[in-house]
N, C-alpha and C. Protein backbone atom coordinates (compact mmCIF):
# COMPACT_ATOMS: atom_id res chain seq x y z
N MET A 1 128.81 135.93 179.25
CA MET A 1 128.23 135.99 180.58
C MET A 1 129.36 136.19 181.60
N VAL A 2 129.15 137.08 182.52
CA VAL A 2 130.15 137.41 183.52
C VAL A 2 130.03 136.46 184.72
N SER A 3 131.15 136.14 185.33
CA SER A 3 131.17 135.22 186.47
C SER A 3 131.23 136.00 187.79
N PRO A 4 130.86 135.35 188.89
CA PRO A 4 130.99 136.01 190.19
C PRO A 4 132.43 136.47 190.47
N GLU A 5 133.40 135.67 190.05
CA GLU A 5 134.80 136.04 190.26
C GLU A 5 135.15 137.32 189.48
N GLN A 6 134.61 137.47 188.29
CA GLN A 6 134.85 138.68 187.51
C GLN A 6 134.23 139.89 188.20
N VAL A 7 133.02 139.75 188.72
CA VAL A 7 132.37 140.85 189.43
C VAL A 7 133.21 141.24 190.64
N LYS A 8 133.71 140.25 191.36
CA LYS A 8 134.58 140.51 192.51
C LYS A 8 135.81 141.31 192.07
N GLN A 9 136.42 140.90 190.97
CA GLN A 9 137.60 141.61 190.47
C GLN A 9 137.25 143.04 190.06
N TYR A 10 136.12 143.24 189.42
CA TYR A 10 135.69 144.58 189.03
C TYR A 10 135.57 145.48 190.26
N ILE A 11 134.96 144.96 191.31
CA ILE A 11 134.77 145.74 192.54
C ILE A 11 136.13 146.06 193.15
N GLU A 12 136.99 145.06 193.26
CA GLU A 12 138.31 145.26 193.87
C GLU A 12 139.18 146.21 193.05
N GLN A 13 139.03 146.21 191.74
CA GLN A 13 139.80 147.12 190.89
C GLN A 13 139.29 148.55 190.99
N GLY A 14 138.00 148.71 191.27
CA GLY A 14 137.41 150.03 191.27
C GLY A 14 137.40 150.76 192.60
N MET A 15 137.68 150.02 193.68
CA MET A 15 137.65 150.64 195.00
C MET A 15 138.49 149.83 195.98
N GLU A 16 138.89 150.48 197.05
CA GLU A 16 139.68 149.83 198.08
C GLU A 16 138.75 149.01 198.98
N CYS A 17 139.03 147.73 199.10
CA CYS A 17 138.18 146.82 199.89
C CYS A 17 139.01 146.01 200.86
N ALA A 18 138.44 145.76 202.02
CA ALA A 18 139.06 144.86 202.99
C ALA A 18 138.59 143.42 202.78
N HIS A 19 137.39 143.28 202.20
CA HIS A 19 136.81 141.95 201.97
C HIS A 19 135.73 142.07 200.89
N VAL A 20 135.73 141.13 199.96
CA VAL A 20 134.67 141.07 198.95
C VAL A 20 134.34 139.60 198.71
N ASP A 21 133.07 139.29 198.74
CA ASP A 21 132.60 137.95 198.41
C ASP A 21 131.40 138.11 197.48
N VAL A 22 131.46 137.44 196.33
CA VAL A 22 130.38 137.57 195.34
C VAL A 22 129.92 136.17 194.94
N SER A 23 128.61 136.00 194.88
CA SER A 23 128.02 134.76 194.34
C SER A 23 126.98 135.17 193.31
N GLY A 24 126.61 134.24 192.46
CA GLY A 24 125.59 134.56 191.47
C GLY A 24 125.54 133.58 190.33
N ASP A 25 124.62 133.85 189.39
CA ASP A 25 124.36 132.92 188.29
C ASP A 25 124.77 133.44 186.92
N GLY A 26 125.50 134.55 186.87
CA GLY A 26 125.91 135.10 185.60
C GLY A 26 125.14 136.34 185.19
N ALA A 27 123.98 136.54 185.78
CA ALA A 27 123.18 137.74 185.51
C ALA A 27 122.79 138.43 186.81
N HIS A 28 122.48 137.65 187.83
CA HIS A 28 122.08 138.17 189.13
C HIS A 28 123.14 137.79 190.16
N PHE A 29 123.58 138.79 190.93
CA PHE A 29 124.68 138.58 191.86
C PHE A 29 124.34 139.10 193.24
N GLU A 30 124.99 138.49 194.24
CA GLU A 30 124.91 138.93 195.62
C GLU A 30 126.34 139.17 196.08
N ALA A 31 126.57 140.32 196.73
CA ALA A 31 127.92 140.66 197.17
C ALA A 31 127.92 141.12 198.62
N VAL A 32 128.98 140.75 199.32
CA VAL A 32 129.28 141.27 200.65
C VAL A 32 130.58 142.06 200.47
N ILE A 33 130.53 143.34 200.81
CA ILE A 33 131.67 144.21 200.57
C ILE A 33 132.00 144.96 201.85
N VAL A 34 133.28 144.91 202.24
CA VAL A 34 133.77 145.62 203.41
C VAL A 34 134.80 146.63 202.93
N SER A 35 134.57 147.91 203.26
CA SER A 35 135.50 148.95 202.81
C SER A 35 135.50 150.13 203.77
N ALA A 36 136.67 150.69 203.99
CA ALA A 36 136.80 151.91 204.79
C ALA A 36 136.16 153.09 204.06
N LEU A 37 135.97 152.99 202.76
CA LEU A 37 135.32 154.05 201.99
C LEU A 37 133.87 154.26 202.43
N PHE A 38 133.30 153.29 203.13
CA PHE A 38 131.91 153.39 203.58
C PHE A 38 131.76 154.18 204.88
N GLU A 39 132.88 154.50 205.54
CA GLU A 39 132.83 155.24 206.81
C GLU A 39 132.05 156.54 206.63
N GLY A 40 131.10 156.79 207.53
CA GLY A 40 130.34 158.03 207.53
C GLY A 40 129.26 158.13 206.46
N LYS A 41 129.04 157.04 205.73
CA LYS A 41 128.02 157.04 204.67
C LYS A 41 126.86 156.14 205.07
N ASN A 42 125.65 156.51 204.65
CA ASN A 42 124.51 155.63 204.88
C ASN A 42 124.52 154.52 203.82
N LYS A 43 123.60 153.58 203.93
CA LYS A 43 123.59 152.42 203.01
C LYS A 43 123.44 152.84 201.55
N VAL A 44 122.59 153.82 201.27
CA VAL A 44 122.41 154.26 199.88
C VAL A 44 123.72 154.82 199.34
N GLN A 45 124.40 155.65 200.12
CA GLN A 45 125.68 156.21 199.70
C GLN A 45 126.75 155.13 199.54
N GLN A 46 126.72 154.12 200.41
CA GLN A 46 127.67 153.01 200.29
C GLN A 46 127.45 152.27 198.98
N HIS A 47 126.20 152.01 198.65
CA HIS A 47 125.87 151.31 197.40
C HIS A 47 126.28 152.16 196.20
N GLN A 48 126.14 153.48 196.30
CA GLN A 48 126.55 154.36 195.22
C GLN A 48 128.05 154.28 194.98
N VAL A 49 128.83 154.11 196.03
CA VAL A 49 130.28 153.94 195.89
C VAL A 49 130.57 152.69 195.05
N VAL A 50 129.86 151.61 195.34
CA VAL A 50 130.06 150.36 194.60
C VAL A 50 129.63 150.52 193.15
N TYR A 51 128.45 151.13 192.93
CA TYR A 51 127.97 151.35 191.56
C TYR A 51 128.95 152.19 190.76
N LYS A 52 129.54 153.19 191.40
CA LYS A 52 130.53 154.03 190.72
C LYS A 52 131.76 153.19 190.34
N ALA A 53 132.18 152.32 191.24
CA ALA A 53 133.34 151.46 190.97
C ALA A 53 133.06 150.53 189.78
N LEU A 54 131.83 150.06 189.66
CA LEU A 54 131.46 149.15 188.57
C LEU A 54 131.20 149.89 187.26
N GLY A 55 130.82 151.15 187.35
CA GLY A 55 130.61 151.98 186.17
C GLY A 55 129.64 151.38 185.17
N GLU A 56 130.01 151.41 183.90
CA GLU A 56 129.15 150.93 182.80
C GLU A 56 128.85 149.44 182.88
N ARG A 57 129.65 148.71 183.63
CA ARG A 57 129.40 147.26 183.75
C ARG A 57 128.02 146.98 184.35
N MET A 58 127.54 147.91 185.18
CA MET A 58 126.21 147.72 185.77
C MET A 58 125.12 147.78 184.70
N ARG A 59 125.34 148.49 183.64
CA ARG A 59 124.35 148.58 182.57
C ARG A 59 124.54 147.48 181.53
N GLU A 60 125.78 147.12 181.28
CA GLU A 60 126.09 146.24 180.17
C GLU A 60 126.24 144.77 180.53
N GLU A 61 126.85 144.47 181.68
CA GLU A 61 127.19 143.08 182.01
C GLU A 61 126.43 142.53 183.20
N ILE A 62 126.16 143.39 184.18
CA ILE A 62 125.55 142.94 185.43
C ILE A 62 124.11 143.42 185.45
N HIS A 63 123.18 142.49 185.45
CA HIS A 63 121.77 142.85 185.39
C HIS A 63 121.17 143.16 186.76
N ALA A 64 121.67 142.50 187.79
CA ALA A 64 121.16 142.73 189.14
C ALA A 64 122.26 142.44 190.15
N LEU A 65 122.39 143.34 191.11
CA LEU A 65 123.39 143.17 192.16
C LEU A 65 122.76 143.53 193.50
N SER A 66 122.67 142.54 194.36
CA SER A 66 122.21 142.75 195.73
C SER A 66 123.45 142.85 196.61
N MET A 67 123.49 143.87 197.46
CA MET A 67 124.71 144.12 198.26
C MET A 67 124.43 144.19 199.74
N GLN A 68 125.38 143.68 200.49
CA GLN A 68 125.48 143.93 201.92
C GLN A 68 126.81 144.66 202.09
N THR A 69 126.76 145.90 202.55
CA THR A 69 127.98 146.69 202.69
C THR A 69 128.26 146.97 204.16
N TYR A 70 129.54 146.93 204.50
CA TYR A 70 129.97 147.13 205.87
C TYR A 70 131.24 147.96 205.92
N THR A 71 131.36 148.77 206.97
CA THR A 71 132.65 149.37 207.28
C THR A 71 133.48 148.27 207.96
N PRO A 72 134.80 148.41 208.03
CA PRO A 72 135.58 147.38 208.72
C PRO A 72 135.13 147.18 210.17
N ALA A 73 134.78 148.26 210.87
CA ALA A 73 134.34 148.13 212.28
C ALA A 73 133.01 147.38 212.36
N ALA A 74 132.08 147.70 211.47
CA ALA A 74 130.78 147.02 211.48
C ALA A 74 130.93 145.55 211.11
N TRP A 75 131.83 145.24 210.20
CA TRP A 75 132.10 143.86 209.79
C TRP A 75 132.65 143.07 210.99
N LYS A 76 133.60 143.68 211.69
CA LYS A 76 134.22 143.02 212.86
C LYS A 76 133.19 142.84 213.97
N ALA A 77 132.33 143.81 214.17
CA ALA A 77 131.35 143.78 215.27
C ALA A 77 130.23 142.76 215.03
N ARG A 78 129.98 142.41 213.78
CA ARG A 78 128.86 141.51 213.48
C ARG A 78 129.14 140.08 213.90
N VAL A 79 130.38 139.72 214.13
CA VAL A 79 130.74 138.34 214.46
C VAL A 79 130.63 138.10 215.94
C-alpha cells in the first residue's frame, strides 16, 4: 500500500512543483499542487500534467486521486 508521502514524492519527481501536499488512506488520496507548469492551462489540462507525472502508478498503485491545482499566482492570491 502506498503512503501519502510516497504519492507526494512521485509528483515531485515527475514535475516541477512549488508546493505539494498529499493526504489519504493508502488507496484514495487528496492533493494540493502548485506548479508553474499549470500556467495557461485549464483545470483538465492541469490534472493531465499531474497524471502524466504519475504515469503507470495511477493504474497500479493509486486508485483515486482528488486534486486542487494552482499556478503560483493563483496560490498566492487565494490567501
